[in-house]
Amino acid sequence: MAGGHDGFPPGIRHALEGARTLIGRGGVFRGAGATGLRSRAIVRQARSGDGEVFVEQKRVPVTREGLERLKVELEDLREVRRPQIVAAIAEARSHGDLRENAAYDAAKNDQAMNEKRIRDLETLLRNALIIDDRDRGAKRDIVTVGSTVVVEVEGDEERYTIVGAIEAKPAAGLISNESPVGKALLGKRVGQTALVATPRGQSRFLVKQIEG
């Protein structure tokens, strides 16, 4: 799988450029970012007949392997990273005036980010929908969430695994089912072509092989 200067395969890099253009225009794009894909449960508010507001949370697809990775990350943030940050805050406080204490400000910022990630992961794990190979059954000849697919794009062969947005890492070839490339590939069979819009025009992804 050929990679560009930023670590992303050409096909993924062009799709990301298209996503950034959409964001700049105020469009909505979920599932891709330079540091990997981060997702959250999609929350929708609705009203019942008597006016009561309730919240519906969308189930988020994730492979068993991805679910275990998220659990390990959550445990690390809770049991390792959280105490480390608390200790760093205490150390910074011991240095005196907090108004001009860069170490304290940095530690508090780290704490806020860590706690937000913990909350995000807790929500994602509550709403995770495990994708099991047995559930795919006869669909193994088409690209679905959990498929590993070999494609040809701009003369290069690239290998992607389609995963739920919460476990996607584009630089590692794990692409979100909600990303432009992932959406375009879903439902395709060997020999079919997926078209993905980029600032340079449409990129063609020829499906050459579907694994799993």
Protein backbone atom coordinates (compact mmCIF):
# COMPACT_ATOMS: atom_id res chain seq x y z
CA MET A 1 0.00 0.00 0.00
CA ALA A 2 1.66 3.19 -1.18
CA GLY A 3 1.74 6.08 1.25
CA GLY A 4 2.10 9.83 0.84
CA HIS A 5 4.27 12.25 2.77
CA ASP A 6 1.63 12.50 5.48
CA GLY A 7 1.41 8.74 5.99
CA PHE A 8 -1.96 8.31 4.27
CA PRO A 9 -2.48 6.22 1.11
CA PRO A 10 -3.21 8.39 -1.97
CA GLY A 11 -6.86 7.40 -2.15
CA ILE A 12 -7.48 8.23 1.50
CA ARG A 13 -5.46 11.45 1.29
CA HIS A 14 -7.50 12.75 -1.66
CA ALA A 15 -10.75 11.89 0.11
CA LEU A 16 -9.58 13.73 3.23
CA GLU A 17 -8.81 16.78 1.13
CA GLY A 18 -12.37 16.64 -0.17
CA ALA A 19 -13.66 16.38 3.39
CA ARG A 20 -11.71 19.44 4.48
CA THR A 21 -13.19 21.36 1.55
CA LEU A 22 -16.70 20.35 2.62
CA ILE A 23 -16.00 21.44 6.19
CA GLY A 24 -14.74 24.79 4.96
CA ARG A 25 -18.01 25.27 3.12
CA GLY A 26 -20.03 24.51 6.20
CA GLY A 27 -20.85 20.98 5.08
CA VAL A 28 -21.14 18.01 7.40
CA PHE A 29 -18.52 15.28 7.32
CA ARG A 30 -18.20 12.54 9.89
CA GLY A 31 -15.47 9.98 10.14
CA ALA A 32 -12.09 11.35 9.03
CA GLY A 33 -9.36 13.49 10.49
CA ALA A 34 -5.60 13.86 10.33
CA THR A 35 -5.16 12.15 13.70
CA GLY A 36 -7.54 9.27 12.98
CA LEU A 37 -11.26 9.00 13.07
CA ARG A 38 -13.11 9.81 16.20
CA SER A 39 -16.79 9.13 16.54
CA ARG A 40 -19.53 9.54 19.05
CA ALA A 41 -23.02 8.17 19.41
CA ILE A 42 -25.39 10.30 17.38
CA VAL A 43 -28.00 11.79 19.65
CA ARG A 44 -31.38 12.89 18.35
CA GLN A 45 -34.09 14.63 20.36
CA ALA A 46 -37.74 14.02 19.58
CA ARG A 47 -41.05 14.76 21.22
CA SER A 48 -43.72 12.28 22.13
CA GLY A 49 -47.40 13.01 21.67
CA ASP A 50 -47.69 14.57 25.12
CA GLY A 51 -44.77 16.90 24.52
CA GLU A 52 -42.22 14.92 26.53
CA VAL A 53 -38.69 15.14 25.13
CA PHE A 54 -36.73 11.91 24.83
CA VAL A 55 -33.29 11.12 23.47
CA GLU A 56 -32.55 8.39 20.95
CA GLN A 57 -28.94 7.22 20.61
CA LYS A 58 -27.76 5.54 17.44
CA ARG A 59 -25.96 2.20 17.79
CA VAL A 60 -22.37 2.48 16.55
CA PRO A 61 -20.91 -0.53 14.67
CA VAL A 62 -17.58 -1.88 15.93
CA THR A 63 -15.63 -5.08 15.39
CA ARG A 64 -14.81 -7.31 18.34
CA GLU A 65 -11.13 -6.42 18.01
CA GLY A 66 -11.92 -2.72 17.92
CA LEU A 67 -14.16 -3.03 20.97
CA GLU A 68 -11.34 -4.64 22.94
CA ARG A 69 -8.92 -1.89 21.88
CA LEU A 70 -11.36 0.76 23.10
CA LYS A 71 -11.80 -1.03 26.42
CA VAL A 72 -8.03 -1.15 26.90
CA GLU A 73 -7.75 2.56 26.07
CA LEU A 74 -10.52 3.43 28.55
CA GLU A 75 -8.88 1.42 31.32
CA ASP A 76 -5.54 3.13 30.64
CA LEU A 77 -7.13 6.59 30.76
CA ARG A 78 -8.90 5.81 34.03
CA GLU A 79 -6.26 3.80 35.87
CA VAL A 80 -2.99 5.23 34.55
CA ARG A 81 -3.42 8.58 32.84
CA ARG A 82 -5.92 10.05 35.33
CA PRO A 83 -3.68 9.51 38.43
CA GLN A 84 -0.67 10.81 36.50
CA ILE A 85 -2.49 14.05 35.70
CA VAL A 86 -3.73 14.45 39.28
CA ALA A 87 -0.14 14.09 40.47
CA ALA A 88 1.05 16.65 37.91
CA ILE A 89 -1.58 19.13 39.09
CA ALA A 90 -0.54 18.66 42.71
CA GLU A 91 3.12 19.14 41.79
CA ALA A 92 2.33 22.33 39.87
CA ARG A 93 0.30 23.71 42.78
CA SER A 94 3.23 23.23 45.10
CA HIS A 95 5.21 25.77 43.07
CA GLY A 96 3.11 28.69 44.28
CA ASP A 97 1.12 31.36 42.43
CA LEU A 98 -1.26 29.62 40.00
CA ARG A 99 -1.94 32.78 38.00
CA GLU A 100 1.43 32.51 36.21
CA ASN A 101 1.95 28.79 36.46
CA ALA A 102 2.28 27.29 32.97
CA ALA A 103 2.73 23.77 34.32
CA TYR A 104 -0.54 24.00 36.24
CA ASP A 105 -2.42 25.33 33.21
CA ALA A 106 -1.02 22.54 31.02
CA ALA A 107 -1.93 19.85 33.56
CA LYS A 108 -5.47 21.20 33.94
CA ASN A 109 -5.85 21.22 30.16
CA ASP A 110 -4.61 17.62 30.01
CA GLN A 111 -7.13 16.71 32.71
CA ALA A 112 -10.03 18.26 30.78
CA MET A 113 -9.05 16.45 27.58
CA ASN A 114 -8.56 13.14 29.39
CA GLU A 115 -11.92 13.34 31.15
CA LYS A 116 -13.67 14.23 27.89
CA ARG A 117 -12.12 11.22 26.15
CA ILE A 118 -13.21 9.00 29.05
CA ARG A 119 -16.80 10.26 28.75
CA ASP A 120 -16.75 9.82 24.97
CA LEU A 121 -15.47 6.25 25.26
CA GLU A 122 -18.02 5.38 27.94
CA THR A 123 -20.82 6.63 25.68
CA LEU A 124 -19.41 4.82 22.66
CA LEU A 125 -19.08 1.53 24.51
CA ARG A 126 -22.65 1.78 25.80
CA ASN A 127 -23.88 2.21 22.24
CA ALA A 128 -21.52 -0.22 20.51
CA LEU A 129 -23.05 -2.71 18.08
CA ILE A 130 -20.60 -5.59 17.67
CA ILE A 131 -20.02 -6.66 14.07
CA ASP A 132 -19.55 -10.44 14.05
CA ASP A 133 -18.29 -12.38 11.02
CA ARG A 134 -21.13 -14.87 11.58
CA ASP A 135 -23.66 -12.06 11.13
CA ARG A 136 -22.40 -11.33 7.63
CA GLY A 137 -23.32 -14.77 6.30
CA ALA A 138 -23.93 -14.69 2.57
CA LYS A 139 -22.79 -11.07 2.30
CA ARG A 140 -19.13 -12.00 2.08
CA ASP A 141 -19.07 -11.25 -1.65
CA ILE A 142 -19.94 -7.59 -1.08
CA VAL A 143 -18.19 -4.88 0.92
CA THR A 144 -19.76 -4.40 4.35
CA VAL A 145 -18.56 -3.16 7.72
CA GLY A 146 -15.84 -5.59 8.75
CA SER A 147 -14.71 -6.34 5.17
CA THR A 148 -11.09 -6.02 4.14
CA VAL A 149 -10.97 -4.91 0.53
CA VAL A 150 -8.14 -4.56 -1.98
CA VAL A 151 -8.71 -1.71 -4.42
CA GLU A 152 -6.85 -0.10 -7.29
CA VAL A 153 -6.74 3.68 -7.21
CA GLU A 154 -4.61 5.83 -9.52
CA GLY A 155 -2.61 2.78 -10.56
CA ASP A 156 -1.75 1.74 -7.01
CA GLU A 157 -3.18 -1.15 -5.04
CA GLU A 158 -4.40 -0.30 -1.56
CA ARG A 159 -5.87 -2.49 1.16
CA TYR A 160 -8.53 -1.12 3.50
CA THR A 161 -10.62 -2.59 6.27
CA ILE A 162 -14.05 -0.99 6.66
CA VAL A 163 -14.76 -0.42 10.34
CA GLY A 164 -17.10 1.57 12.53
CA ALA A 165 -16.10 5.20 12.92
CA ILE A 166 -15.05 4.75 16.55
CA GLU A 167 -12.16 2.42 15.67
CA ALA A 168 -11.02 3.90 12.35
CA LYS A 169 -7.38 4.88 11.72
CA PRO A 170 -6.87 5.97 8.10
CA ALA A 171 -3.06 5.85 8.23
CA ALA A 172 -3.31 2.18 9.26
CA GLY A 173 -5.81 1.35 6.51
CA LEU A 174 -8.79 1.18 8.90
CA ILE A 175 -11.39 3.45 7.32
CA SER A 176 -14.75 4.51 8.67
CA ASN A 177 -17.99 3.29 7.17
CA GLU A 178 -19.07 6.95 7.48
CA SER A 179 -16.10 8.39 5.55
CA PRO A 180 -16.40 9.26 1.83
CA VAL A 181 -14.28 6.26 0.79
CA GLY A 182 -16.02 3.89 3.19
CA LYS A 183 -19.48 4.98 2.07
CA ALA A 184 -18.53 4.64 -1.59
CA LEU A 185 -17.16 1.12 -1.13
CA LEU A 186 -20.06 -0.27 0.90
CA GLY A 187 -22.19 -2.64 -1.18
CA LYS A 188 -19.64 -2.98 -3.98
CA ARG A 189 -18.56 -6.34 -5.43
CA VAL A 190 -15.31 -7.47 -7.03
CA GLY A 191 -14.91 -5.76 -10.41
CA GLN A 192 -17.13 -2.80 -9.51
CA THR A 193 -15.86 0.77 -9.20
CA ALA A 194 -16.60 3.24 -6.42
CA LEU A 195 -16.40 6.96 -7.19
CA VAL A 196 -15.24 9.40 -4.51
CA ALA A 197 -15.40 13.16 -5.04
CA THR A 198 -12.18 15.10 -4.33
CA PRO A 199 -11.06 18.69 -5.12
CA ARG A 200 -9.21 17.23 -8.12
CA GLY A 201 -12.31 15.52 -9.43
CA GLN A 202 -13.60 12.01 -8.90
CA SER A 203 -11.24 9.26 -7.82
CA ARG A 204 -12.05 5.75 -9.01
CA PHE A 205 -11.63 2.83 -6.59
CA LEU A 206 -11.73 -0.48 -8.48
CA VAL A 207 -12.57 -3.37 -6.15
CA LYS A 208 -10.12 -6.19 -6.89
CA GLN A 209 -10.58 -8.46 -3.88
CA ILE A 210 -12.81 -8.77 -0.82
CA GLU A 211 -11.38 -10.59 2.20
CA GLY A 212 -13.62 -11.75 5.04
